[in-house]
PDB file of N, CA and C in Angstrom:
ATOM      1  N   MET A   1      -1.399 -17.081 -12.624  1.00  0.00           N
ATOM      2  CA  MET A   1      -1.483 -15.955 -11.701  1.00  0.00           C
ATOM      3  C   MET A   1      -0.668 -16.266 -10.458  1.00  0.00           C
ATOM      4  N   GLY A   2       0.183 -15.346 -10.034  1.00  0.00           N
ATOM      5  CA  GLY A   2       1.010 -15.543  -8.857  1.00  0.00           C
ATOM      6  C   GLY A   2       0.246 -15.293  -7.575  1.00  0.00           C
ATOM      7  N   GLN A   3       0.889 -15.526  -6.474  1.00  0.00           N
ATOM      8  CA  GLN A   3       0.256 -15.297  -5.179  1.00  0.00           C
ATOM      9  C   GLN A   3       0.294 -13.813  -4.851  1.00  0.00           C
ATOM     10  N   SER A   4      -0.689 -13.385  -4.057  1.00  0.00           N
ATOM     11  CA  SER A   4      -0.750 -11.981  -3.672  1.00  0.00           C
ATOM     12  C   SER A   4      -1.089 -11.875  -2.194  1.00  0.00           C
ATOM     13  N   LEU A   5      -0.826 -10.700  -1.636  1.00  0.00           N
ATOM     14  CA  LEU A   5      -1.164 -10.462  -0.248  1.00  0.00           C
ATOM     15  C   LEU A   5      -1.505  -9.006  -0.041  1.00  0.00           C
ATOM     16  N   ILE A   6      -2.267  -8.771   1.006  1.00  0.00           N
ATOM     17  CA  ILE A   6      -2.662  -7.423   1.399  1.00  0.00           C
ATOM     18  C   ILE A   6      -1.998  -7.121   2.731  1.00  0.00           C
ATOM     19  N   ILE A   7      -1.411  -5.939   2.839  1.00  0.00           N
ATOM     20  CA  ILE A   7      -0.742  -5.523   4.063  1.00  0.00           C
ATOM     21  C   ILE A   7      -1.517  -4.342   4.625  1.00  0.00           C
ATOM     22  N   ILE A   8      -1.891  -4.440   5.884  1.00  0.00           N
ATOM     23  CA  ILE A   8      -2.631  -3.366   6.533  1.00  0.00           C
ATOM     24  C   ILE A   8      -1.659  -2.594   7.417  1.00  0.00           C
ATOM     25  N   GLY A   9      -1.412  -1.353   7.063  1.00  0.00           N
ATOM     26  CA  GLY A   9      -0.507  -0.495   7.807  1.00  0.00           C
ATOM     27  C   GLY A   9       0.752  -0.201   7.022  1.00  0.00           C
ATOM     28  N   ALA A  10       1.034   1.077   6.817  1.00  0.00           N
ATOM     29  CA  ALA A  10       2.199   1.493   6.042  1.00  0.00           C
ATOM     30  C   ALA A  10       3.290   2.064   6.941  1.00  0.00           C
ATOM     31  N   GLY A  11       3.477   1.443   8.106  1.00  0.00           N
ATOM     32  CA  GLY A  11       4.614   1.777   8.950  1.00  0.00           C
ATOM     33  C   GLY A  11       5.863   1.117   8.398  1.00  0.00           C
ATOM     34  N   ILE A  12       6.939   1.178   9.140  1.00  0.00           N
ATOM     35  CA  ILE A  12       8.201   0.570   8.681  1.00  0.00           C
ATOM     36  C   ILE A  12       8.019  -0.917   8.376  1.00  0.00           C
ATOM     37  N   ALA A  13       7.356  -1.641   9.258  1.00  0.00           N
ATOM     38  CA  ALA A  13       7.168  -3.083   9.050  1.00  0.00           C
ATOM     39  C   ALA A  13       6.306  -3.364   7.830  1.00  0.00           C
ATOM     40  N   GLY A  14       5.225  -2.617   7.651  1.00  0.00           N
ATOM     41  CA  GLY A  14       4.359  -2.828   6.498  1.00  0.00           C
ATOM     42  C   GLY A  14       5.053  -2.513   5.185  1.00  0.00           C
ATOM     43  N   LEU A  15       5.801  -1.419   5.148  1.00  0.00           N
ATOM     44  CA  LEU A  15       6.528  -1.057   3.932  1.00  0.00           C
ATOM     45  C   LEU A  15       7.604  -2.084   3.605  1.00  0.00           C
ATOM     46  N   ALA A  16       8.335  -2.530   4.618  1.00  0.00           N
ATOM     47  CA  ALA A  16       9.371  -3.543   4.400  1.00  0.00           C
ATOM     48  C   ALA A  16       8.751  -4.852   3.926  1.00  0.00           C
ATOM     49  N   THR A  17       7.626  -5.239   4.518  1.00  0.00           N
ATOM     50  CA  THR A  17       6.949  -6.468   4.112  1.00  0.00           C
ATOM     51  C   THR A  17       6.526  -6.387   2.653  1.00  0.00           C
ATOM     52  N   GLY A  18       5.981  -5.250   2.236  1.00  0.00           N
ATOM     53  CA  GLY A  18       5.591  -5.075   0.842  1.00  0.00           C
ATOM     54  C   GLY A  18       6.772  -5.181  -0.115  1.00  0.00           C
ATOM     55  N   CYS A  19       7.889  -4.591   0.255  1.00  0.00           N
ATOM     56  CA  CYS A  19       9.104  -4.662  -0.577  1.00  0.00           C
ATOM     57  C   CYS A  19       9.605  -6.091  -0.691  1.00  0.00           C
ATOM     58  N   TYR A  20       9.732  -6.774   0.437  1.00  0.00           N
ATOM     59  CA  TYR A  20      10.244  -8.149   0.420  1.00  0.00           C
ATOM     60  C   TYR A  20       9.279  -9.095  -0.285  1.00  0.00           C
ATOM     61  N   ALA A  21       7.980  -8.858  -0.148  1.00  0.00           N
ATOM     62  CA  ALA A  21       7.004  -9.693  -0.849  1.00  0.00           C
ATOM     63  C   ALA A  21       7.203  -9.573  -2.362  1.00  0.00           C
ATOM     64  N   GLN A  22       7.348  -8.348  -2.853  1.00  0.00           N
ATOM     65  CA  GLN A  22       7.525  -8.162  -4.290  1.00  0.00           C
ATOM     66  C   GLN A  22       8.867  -8.689  -4.766  1.00  0.00           C
ATOM     67  N   MET A  23       9.889  -8.596  -3.937  1.00  0.00           N
ATOM     68  CA  MET A  23      11.199  -9.147  -4.302  1.00  0.00           C
ATOM     69  C   MET A  23      11.153 -10.663  -4.421  1.00  0.00           C
ATOM     70  N   ASN A  24      10.170 -11.290  -3.761  1.00  0.00           N
ATOM     71  CA  ASN A  24      10.051 -12.740  -3.778  1.00  0.00           C
ATOM     72  C   ASN A  24       8.885 -13.233  -4.632  1.00  0.00           C
ATOM     73  N   GLY A  25       8.416 -12.403  -5.554  1.00  0.00           N
ATOM     74  CA  GLY A  25       7.445 -12.831  -6.542  1.00  0.00           C
ATOM     75  C   GLY A  25       5.983 -12.680  -6.170  1.00  0.00           C
ATOM     76  N   TYR A  26       5.674 -12.044  -5.052  1.00  0.00           N
ATOM     77  CA  TYR A  26       4.283 -11.820  -4.663  1.00  0.00           C
ATOM     78  C   TYR A  26       3.823 -10.462  -5.177  1.00  0.00           C
ATOM     79  N   GLN A  27       2.536 -10.359  -5.439  1.00  0.00           N
ATOM     80  CA  GLN A  27       1.939  -9.055  -5.678  1.00  0.00           C
ATOM     81  C   GLN A  27       1.443  -8.570  -4.326  1.00  0.00           C
ATOM     82  N   SER A  28       1.726  -7.332  -3.979  1.00  0.00           N
ATOM     83  CA  SER A  28       1.311  -6.835  -2.664  1.00  0.00           C
ATOM     84  C   SER A  28       0.650  -5.471  -2.791  1.00  0.00           C
ATOM     85  N   GLN A  29      -0.315  -5.252  -1.910  1.00  0.00           N
ATOM     86  CA  GLN A  29      -0.964  -3.954  -1.777  1.00  0.00           C
ATOM     87  C   GLN A  29      -0.895  -3.566  -0.316  1.00  0.00           C
ATOM     88  N   ILE A  30      -0.558  -2.301  -0.068  1.00  0.00           N
ATOM     89  CA  ILE A  30      -0.454  -1.785   1.291  1.00  0.00           C
ATOM     90  C   ILE A  30      -1.567  -0.774   1.508  1.00  0.00           C
ATOM     91  N   PHE A  31      -2.301  -0.933   2.603  1.00  0.00           N
ATOM     92  CA  PHE A  31      -3.381  -0.016   2.949  1.00  0.00           C
ATOM     93  C   PHE A  31      -3.036   0.712   4.236  1.00  0.00           C
ATOM     94  N   GLU A  32      -3.249   2.026   4.251  1.00  0.00           N
ATOM     95  CA  GLU A  32      -2.941   2.867   5.401  1.00  0.00           C
ATOM     96  C   GLU A  32      -4.100   3.827   5.631  1.00  0.00           C
ATOM     97  N   LYS A  33      -4.527   3.991   6.873  1.00  0.00           N
ATOM     98  CA  LYS A  33      -5.655   4.882   7.141  1.00  0.00           C
ATOM     99  C   LYS A  33      -5.254   6.353   7.179  1.00  0.00           C
ATOM    100  N   HIS A  34      -3.991   6.643   7.400  1.00  0.00           N
ATOM    101  CA  HIS A  34      -3.537   8.035   7.428  1.00  0.00           C
ATOM    102  C   HIS A  34      -3.078   8.467   6.044  1.00  0.00           C
ATOM    103  N   ASN A  35      -2.852   9.748   5.866  1.00  0.00           N
ATOM    104  CA  ASN A  35      -2.449  10.252   4.553  1.00  0.00           C
ATOM    105  C   ASN A  35      -0.939  10.207   4.323  1.00  0.00           C
ATOM    106  N   LYS A  36      -0.163   9.822   5.329  1.00  0.00           N
ATOM    107  CA  LYS A  36       1.289   9.726   5.191  1.00  0.00           C
ATOM    108  C   LYS A  36       1.746   8.310   5.536  1.00  0.00           C
ATOM    109  N   PRO A  37       2.577   7.709   4.719  1.00  0.00           N
ATOM    110  CA  PRO A  37       3.164   6.423   5.097  1.00  0.00           C
ATOM    111  C   PRO A  37       4.302   6.644   6.088  1.00  0.00           C
ATOM    112  N   GLY A  38       4.677   5.615   6.800  1.00  0.00           N
ATOM    113  CA  GLY A  38       5.816   5.704   7.707  1.00  0.00           C
ATOM    114  C   GLY A  38       5.473   5.460   9.162  1.00  0.00           C
ATOM    115  N   GLY A  39       4.203   5.489   9.511  1.00  0.00           N
ATOM    116  CA  GLY A  39       3.796   5.216  10.892  1.00  0.00           C
ATOM    117  C   GLY A  39       4.419   6.180  11.885  1.00  0.00           C
ATOM    118  N   LEU A  40       4.927   5.637  12.983  1.00  0.00           N
ATOM    119  CA  LEU A  40       5.498   6.471  14.037  1.00  0.00           C
ATOM    120  C   LEU A  40       6.759   7.210  13.595  1.00  0.00           C
ATOM    121  N   CYS A  41       7.384   6.764  12.530  1.00  0.00           N
ATOM    122  CA  CYS A  41       8.593   7.445  12.047  1.00  0.00           C
ATOM    123  C   CYS A  41       8.299   8.867  11.589  1.00  0.00           C
ATOM    124  N   THR A  42       7.051   9.164  11.262  1.00  0.00           N
ATOM    125  CA  THR A  42       6.713  10.517  10.819  1.00  0.00           C
ATOM    126  C   THR A  42       6.706  11.507  11.969  1.00  0.00           C
ATOM    127  N   ALA A  43       6.758  11.016  13.206  1.00  0.00           N
ATOM    128  CA  ALA A  43       6.719  11.898  14.371  1.00  0.00           C
ATOM    129  C   ALA A  43       8.087  12.065  15.033  1.00  0.00           C
ATOM    130  N   TRP A  44       9.105  11.398  14.515  1.00  0.00           N
ATOM    131  CA  TRP A  44      10.429  11.509  15.120  1.00  0.00           C
ATOM    132  C   TRP A  44      11.002  12.903  14.904  1.00  0.00           C
ATOM    133  N   ARG A  45      11.634  13.432  15.927  1.00  0.00           N
ATOM    134  CA  ARG A  45      12.322  14.723  15.823  1.00  0.00           C
ATOM    135  C   ARG A  45      13.779  14.528  16.249  1.00  0.00           C
ATOM    136  N   ARG A  46      14.651  15.228  15.574  1.00  0.00           N
ATOM    137  CA  ARG A  46      16.064  15.209  15.939  1.00  0.00           C
ATOM    138  C   ARG A  46      16.579  16.632  15.797  1.00  0.00           C
ATOM    139  N   GLN A  47      16.842  17.232  16.902  1.00  0.00           N
ATOM    140  CA  GLN A  47      17.265  18.623  16.954  1.00  0.00           C
ATOM    141  C   GLN A  47      16.274  19.495  16.201  1.00  0.00           C
ATOM    142  N   GLU A  48      16.703  20.185  15.172  1.00  0.00           N
ATOM    143  CA  GLU A  48      15.837  21.093  14.431  1.00  0.00           C
ATOM    144  C   GLU A  48      15.141  20.425  13.248  1.00  0.00           C
ATOM    145  N   MET A  49      15.396  19.140  13.027  1.00  0.00           N
ATOM    146  CA  MET A  49      14.910  18.482  11.810  1.00  0.00           C
ATOM    147  C   MET A  49      13.678  17.623  12.110  1.00  0.00           C
ATOM    148  N   LEU A  50      12.784  17.523  11.154  1.00  0.00           N
ATOM    149  CA  LEU A  50      11.662  16.602  11.229  1.00  0.00           C
ATOM    150  C   LEU A  50      11.969  15.420  10.312  1.00  0.00           C
ATOM    151  N   ALA A  51      11.522  14.244  10.711  1.00  0.00           N
ATOM    152  CA  ALA A  51      11.755  13.065   9.877  1.00  0.00           C
ATOM    153  C   ALA A  51      10.929  13.129   8.585  1.00  0.00           C
ATOM    154  N   TYR A  52       9.782  13.793   8.617  1.00  0.00           N
ATOM    155  CA  TYR A  52       8.934  13.891   7.447  1.00  0.00           C
ATOM    156  C   TYR A  52       8.491  15.342   7.286  1.00  0.00           C
ATOM    157  N   ALA A  53       8.813  15.909   6.160  1.00  0.00           N
ATOM    158  CA  ALA A  53       8.442  17.316   5.920  1.00  0.00           C
ATOM    159  C   ALA A  53       7.014  17.380   5.390  1.00  0.00           C
ATOM    160  N   ASP A  54       6.226  18.298   5.936  1.00  0.00           N
ATOM    161  CA  ASP A  54       4.838  18.444   5.477  1.00  0.00           C
ATOM    162  C   ASP A  54       4.747  19.141   4.161  1.00  0.00           C
TER     163      ASP A  54
END
C-alpha cells in the first residue's frame, strides 16, 4: 500500500497539492466545505466575465 494524504481546502493550493501528490505516487483526497472548488478564484471578476459560471 502506498502513502496517502488528506488535503483540507480545494482552493488553488489544495488542488495543486492534490495533483502533485498523485503525480508523485501518493493517493490524495481533497475536502472542501463549499460546493464549488477553487476558493477565492470563484469570486474573481474581469470586465463582463465571471471566473466560475453558476
